[in-house]
């Protein structure tokens, strides 16, 4: 077993937290910016009779944000539990 100091465990926890946050912010930015930037190209495709750009702006973005929140909560719960277990003697 690896006996890391509390400072090392805390540093690893915050590195993982920052990495997760950065990745999810990148997904958020790509979804938000990509939908607007590529709206003309996406309008050529249809989904349920609506242009894809309209669907992504009206429905898809909300679902993507909900998924981002869900992934963040799920992964942070796992990281928090892992950090708590590391504190026990």
N, C-alpha and C. Protein backbone atom coordinates (compact mmCIF):
# COMPACT_ATOMS: atom_id res chain seq x y z
N UNK A 1 0.83 -1.19 0.00
CA UNK A 1 0.00 0.00 0.00
C UNK A 1 0.87 1.24 0.00
N UNK A 2 0.39 2.22 -0.70
CA UNK A 2 1.10 3.49 -0.80
C UNK A 2 0.67 4.39 0.35
N UNK A 3 1.64 4.83 1.12
CA UNK A 3 1.35 5.73 2.25
C UNK A 3 1.69 7.15 1.84
N UNK A 4 0.70 7.83 1.28
CA UNK A 4 0.88 9.22 0.88
C UNK A 4 0.57 10.12 2.07
N UNK A 5 1.23 11.24 2.11
CA UNK A 5 0.97 12.21 3.18
C UNK A 5 -0.37 12.87 2.92
N UNK A 6 -0.96 13.48 3.95
CA UNK A 6 -2.24 14.18 3.74
C UNK A 6 -2.13 15.29 2.69
N UNK A 7 -0.98 15.96 2.64
CA UNK A 7 -0.80 17.02 1.64
C UNK A 7 -0.79 16.44 0.22
N UNK A 8 -0.16 15.28 0.06
CA UNK A 8 -0.12 14.64 -1.25
C UNK A 8 -1.51 14.18 -1.68
N UNK A 9 -2.27 13.62 -0.74
CA UNK A 9 -3.64 13.18 -1.06
C UNK A 9 -4.52 14.37 -1.40
N UNK A 10 -4.37 15.44 -0.64
CA UNK A 10 -5.15 16.65 -0.90
C UNK A 10 -4.78 17.24 -2.27
N UNK A 11 -3.49 17.25 -2.59
CA UNK A 11 -3.05 17.75 -3.89
C UNK A 11 -3.59 16.90 -5.04
N UNK A 12 -3.59 15.58 -4.87
CA UNK A 12 -4.12 14.69 -5.90
C UNK A 12 -5.62 14.91 -6.07
N UNK A 13 -6.32 15.09 -4.97
CA UNK A 13 -7.76 15.33 -5.03
C UNK A 13 -8.06 16.59 -5.82
N UNK A 14 -7.34 17.68 -5.54
CA UNK A 14 -7.61 18.93 -6.23
C UNK A 14 -7.17 18.89 -7.68
N UNK A 15 -6.13 18.14 -8.01
CA UNK A 15 -5.74 17.97 -9.41
C UNK A 15 -6.85 17.27 -10.18
N UNK A 16 -7.41 16.21 -9.60
CA UNK A 16 -8.50 15.49 -10.26
C UNK A 16 -9.74 16.37 -10.38
N UNK A 17 -10.02 17.17 -9.36
CA UNK A 17 -11.18 18.07 -9.40
C UNK A 17 -11.01 19.12 -10.49
N UNK A 18 -9.83 19.71 -10.58
CA UNK A 18 -9.58 20.72 -11.62
C UNK A 18 -9.64 20.11 -13.01
N UNK A 19 -9.10 18.90 -13.16
CA UNK A 19 -9.13 18.23 -14.46
C UNK A 19 -10.57 17.94 -14.89
N UNK A 20 -11.39 17.46 -13.98
CA UNK A 20 -12.80 17.19 -14.27
C UNK A 20 -13.53 18.47 -14.64
N UNK A 21 -13.31 19.52 -13.86
CA UNK A 21 -13.97 20.80 -14.12
C UNK A 21 -13.55 21.36 -15.47
N UNK A 22 -12.27 21.29 -15.80
CA UNK A 22 -11.78 21.79 -17.09
C UNK A 22 -12.38 21.00 -18.24
N UNK A 23 -12.45 19.68 -18.11
CA UNK A 23 -13.02 18.85 -19.18
C UNK A 23 -14.50 19.17 -19.39
N UNK A 24 -15.24 19.31 -18.30
CA UNK A 24 -16.67 19.60 -18.44
C UNK A 24 -16.91 21.03 -18.96
N UNK A 25 -16.05 21.96 -18.58
CA UNK A 25 -16.16 23.31 -19.14
C UNK A 25 -15.86 23.31 -20.64
N UNK A 26 -14.92 22.47 -21.07
CA UNK A 26 -14.63 22.36 -22.50
C UNK A 26 -15.82 21.79 -23.26
N UNK A 27 -16.48 20.79 -22.68
CA UNK A 27 -17.69 20.23 -23.30
C UNK A 27 -18.78 21.29 -23.36
N UNK A 28 -18.95 22.03 -22.28
CA UNK A 28 -19.96 23.10 -22.24
C UNK A 28 -19.66 24.14 -23.32
N UNK A 29 -18.41 24.57 -23.42
CA UNK A 29 -18.05 25.58 -24.40
C UNK A 29 -18.25 25.07 -25.82
N UNK A 30 -17.82 23.85 -26.09
CA UNK A 30 -17.97 23.28 -27.43
C UNK A 30 -19.45 23.17 -27.80
N UNK A 31 -20.28 22.75 -26.86
CA UNK A 31 -21.71 22.65 -27.14
C UNK A 31 -22.36 23.99 -27.35
N UNK A 32 -22.02 24.95 -26.53
CA UNK A 32 -22.62 26.28 -26.64
C UNK A 32 -22.11 27.03 -27.87
N UNK A 33 -20.81 27.09 -28.01
CA UNK A 33 -20.23 27.83 -29.12
C UNK A 33 -20.43 27.10 -30.44
N UNK A 34 -20.28 25.78 -30.43
CA UNK A 34 -20.41 25.00 -31.66
C UNK A 34 -21.79 25.10 -32.28
N UNK A 35 -22.83 25.09 -31.46
CA UNK A 35 -24.19 25.20 -31.97
C UNK A 35 -24.39 26.53 -32.68
N UNK A 36 -23.90 27.61 -32.10
CA UNK A 36 -24.07 28.94 -32.71
C UNK A 36 -23.16 29.11 -33.92
N UNK A 37 -21.92 28.68 -33.81
CA UNK A 37 -20.95 28.89 -34.88
C UNK A 37 -21.30 28.09 -36.13
N UNK A 38 -21.78 26.87 -35.94
CA UNK A 38 -22.10 26.00 -37.08
C UNK A 38 -23.59 25.93 -37.37
N UNK A 39 -24.34 26.95 -36.99
CA UNK A 39 -25.80 26.93 -37.16
C UNK A 39 -26.20 26.80 -38.63
N UNK A 40 -25.54 27.49 -39.52
CA UNK A 40 -25.90 27.40 -40.95
C UNK A 40 -25.67 26.00 -41.50
N UNK A 41 -24.55 25.40 -41.13
CA UNK A 41 -24.25 24.05 -41.61
C UNK A 41 -25.21 23.03 -41.00
N UNK A 42 -25.54 23.21 -39.73
CA UNK A 42 -26.44 22.27 -39.05
C UNK A 42 -27.88 22.41 -39.52
N UNK A 43 -28.24 23.57 -40.08
CA UNK A 43 -29.61 23.78 -40.54
C UNK A 43 -29.95 22.89 -41.73
N UNK A 44 -28.95 22.36 -42.40
CA UNK A 44 -29.18 21.46 -43.52
C UNK A 44 -29.71 20.10 -43.10
N UNK A 45 -29.54 19.74 -41.85
CA UNK A 45 -30.03 18.47 -41.32
C UNK A 45 -31.32 18.72 -40.56
N UNK A 46 -32.21 17.75 -40.58
CA UNK A 46 -33.46 17.89 -39.83
C UNK A 46 -33.58 16.78 -38.80
N UNK A 47 -34.26 17.12 -37.74
CA UNK A 47 -34.55 16.16 -36.67
C UNK A 47 -35.99 16.38 -36.25
N UNK A 48 -36.83 15.38 -36.46
CA UNK A 48 -38.26 15.47 -36.17
C UNK A 48 -38.92 16.64 -36.91
N UNK A 49 -38.43 16.91 -38.12
CA UNK A 49 -39.02 17.98 -38.92
C UNK A 49 -38.47 19.37 -38.66
N UNK A 50 -37.59 19.51 -37.71
CA UNK A 50 -37.01 20.82 -37.39
C UNK A 50 -35.56 20.84 -37.82
N UNK A 51 -35.04 22.01 -38.19
CA UNK A 51 -33.60 22.10 -38.49
C UNK A 51 -32.78 21.71 -37.25
N UNK A 52 -31.70 20.99 -37.47
CA UNK A 52 -30.89 20.51 -36.34
C UNK A 52 -30.37 21.66 -35.49
N UNK A 53 -30.01 22.78 -36.10
CA UNK A 53 -29.49 23.90 -35.32
C UNK A 53 -30.56 24.43 -34.36
N UNK A 54 -31.80 24.49 -34.81
CA UNK A 54 -32.88 24.94 -33.93
C UNK A 54 -33.09 23.93 -32.79
N UNK A 55 -33.08 22.64 -33.12
CA UNK A 55 -33.28 21.61 -32.10
C UNK A 55 -32.17 21.66 -31.05
N UNK A 56 -30.93 21.79 -31.51
CA UNK A 56 -29.81 21.84 -30.56
C UNK A 56 -29.90 23.07 -29.66
N UNK A 57 -30.29 24.19 -30.23
CA UNK A 57 -30.39 25.41 -29.42
C UNK A 57 -31.57 25.33 -28.45
N UNK A 58 -32.68 24.75 -28.89
CA UNK A 58 -33.89 24.74 -28.06
C UNK A 58 -33.91 23.58 -27.07
N UNK A 59 -33.49 22.40 -27.48
CA UNK A 59 -33.61 21.22 -26.63
C UNK A 59 -32.26 20.59 -26.28
N UNK A 60 -31.42 20.44 -27.27
CA UNK A 60 -30.17 19.72 -27.08
C UNK A 60 -29.25 20.36 -26.06
N UNK A 61 -29.18 21.67 -26.07
CA UNK A 61 -28.28 22.36 -25.13
C UNK A 61 -28.73 22.12 -23.69
N UNK A 62 -30.04 22.17 -23.47
CA UNK A 62 -30.55 21.93 -22.11
C UNK A 62 -30.24 20.51 -21.66
N UNK A 63 -30.39 19.56 -22.55
CA UNK A 63 -30.07 18.17 -22.19
C UNK A 63 -28.58 17.98 -21.97
N UNK A 64 -27.77 18.65 -22.77
CA UNK A 64 -26.32 18.56 -22.58
C UNK A 64 -25.91 19.16 -21.24
N UNK A 65 -26.49 20.29 -20.87
CA UNK A 65 -26.17 20.91 -19.58
C UNK A 65 -26.59 20.01 -18.43
N UNK A 66 -27.73 19.39 -18.56
CA UNK A 66 -28.20 18.46 -17.53
C UNK A 66 -27.24 17.27 -17.41
N UNK A 67 -26.77 16.77 -18.54
CA UNK A 67 -25.81 15.67 -18.52
C UNK A 67 -24.49 16.10 -17.88
N UNK A 68 -24.04 17.32 -18.17
CA UNK A 68 -22.80 17.82 -17.57
C UNK A 68 -22.94 17.89 -16.05
N UNK A 69 -24.07 18.39 -15.58
CA UNK A 69 -24.30 18.47 -14.13
C UNK A 69 -24.33 17.08 -13.51
N UNK A 70 -24.99 16.14 -14.18
CA UNK A 70 -25.06 14.77 -13.68
C UNK A 70 -23.69 14.11 -13.60
N UNK A 71 -22.88 14.27 -14.64
CA UNK A 71 -21.53 13.69 -14.65
C UNK A 71 -20.68 14.32 -13.55
N UNK A 72 -20.80 15.63 -13.38
CA UNK A 72 -20.02 16.31 -12.34
C UNK A 72 -20.41 15.79 -10.95
N UNK A 73 -21.71 15.69 -10.68
CA UNK A 73 -22.15 15.22 -9.37
C UNK A 73 -21.73 13.78 -9.13
N UNK A 74 -21.88 12.92 -10.13
CA UNK A 74 -21.52 11.51 -10.00
C UNK A 74 -20.02 11.36 -9.74
N UNK A 75 -19.20 12.04 -10.53
CA UNK A 75 -17.75 11.89 -10.39
C UNK A 75 -17.22 12.54 -9.11
N UNK A 76 -17.77 13.69 -8.74
CA UNK A 76 -17.31 14.34 -7.52
C UNK A 76 -17.68 13.53 -6.29
N UNK A 77 -18.83 12.86 -6.32
CA UNK A 77 -19.20 11.99 -5.20
C UNK A 77 -18.17 10.87 -5.04
N UNK A 78 -17.76 10.28 -6.17
CA UNK A 78 -16.74 9.23 -6.12
C UNK A 78 -15.41 9.77 -5.61
N UNK A 79 -15.02 10.95 -6.07
CA UNK A 79 -13.76 11.54 -5.61
C UNK A 79 -13.81 11.88 -4.12
N UNK A 80 -14.95 12.41 -3.66
CA UNK A 80 -15.10 12.75 -2.25
C UNK A 80 -15.04 11.50 -1.37
N UNK A 81 -15.72 10.44 -1.80
CA UNK A 81 -15.67 9.20 -1.02
C UNK A 81 -14.25 8.63 -0.98
N UNK A 82 -13.56 8.69 -2.10
CA UNK A 82 -12.19 8.22 -2.16
C UNK A 82 -11.29 9.05 -1.24
N UNK A 83 -11.49 10.36 -1.21
CA UNK A 83 -10.69 11.22 -0.35
C UNK A 83 -10.98 10.95 1.12
N UNK A 84 -12.24 10.72 1.46
CA UNK A 84 -12.59 10.42 2.85
C UNK A 84 -11.99 9.10 3.31
N UNK A 85 -11.99 8.11 2.44
CA UNK A 85 -11.40 6.81 2.80
C UNK A 85 -9.90 6.93 3.03
N UNK A 86 -9.25 7.82 2.29
CA UNK A 86 -7.82 8.03 2.45
C UNK A 86 -7.46 8.70 3.77
N UNK A 87 -8.42 9.39 4.39
CA UNK A 87 -8.16 10.08 5.65
C UNK A 87 -8.22 9.14 6.85
N UNK A 88 -8.90 8.02 6.68
CA UNK A 88 -9.05 7.09 7.83
C UNK A 88 -7.74 6.38 8.10
N UNK A 89 -7.46 6.14 9.37
CA UNK A 89 -6.20 5.45 9.73
C UNK A 89 -6.21 3.98 9.37
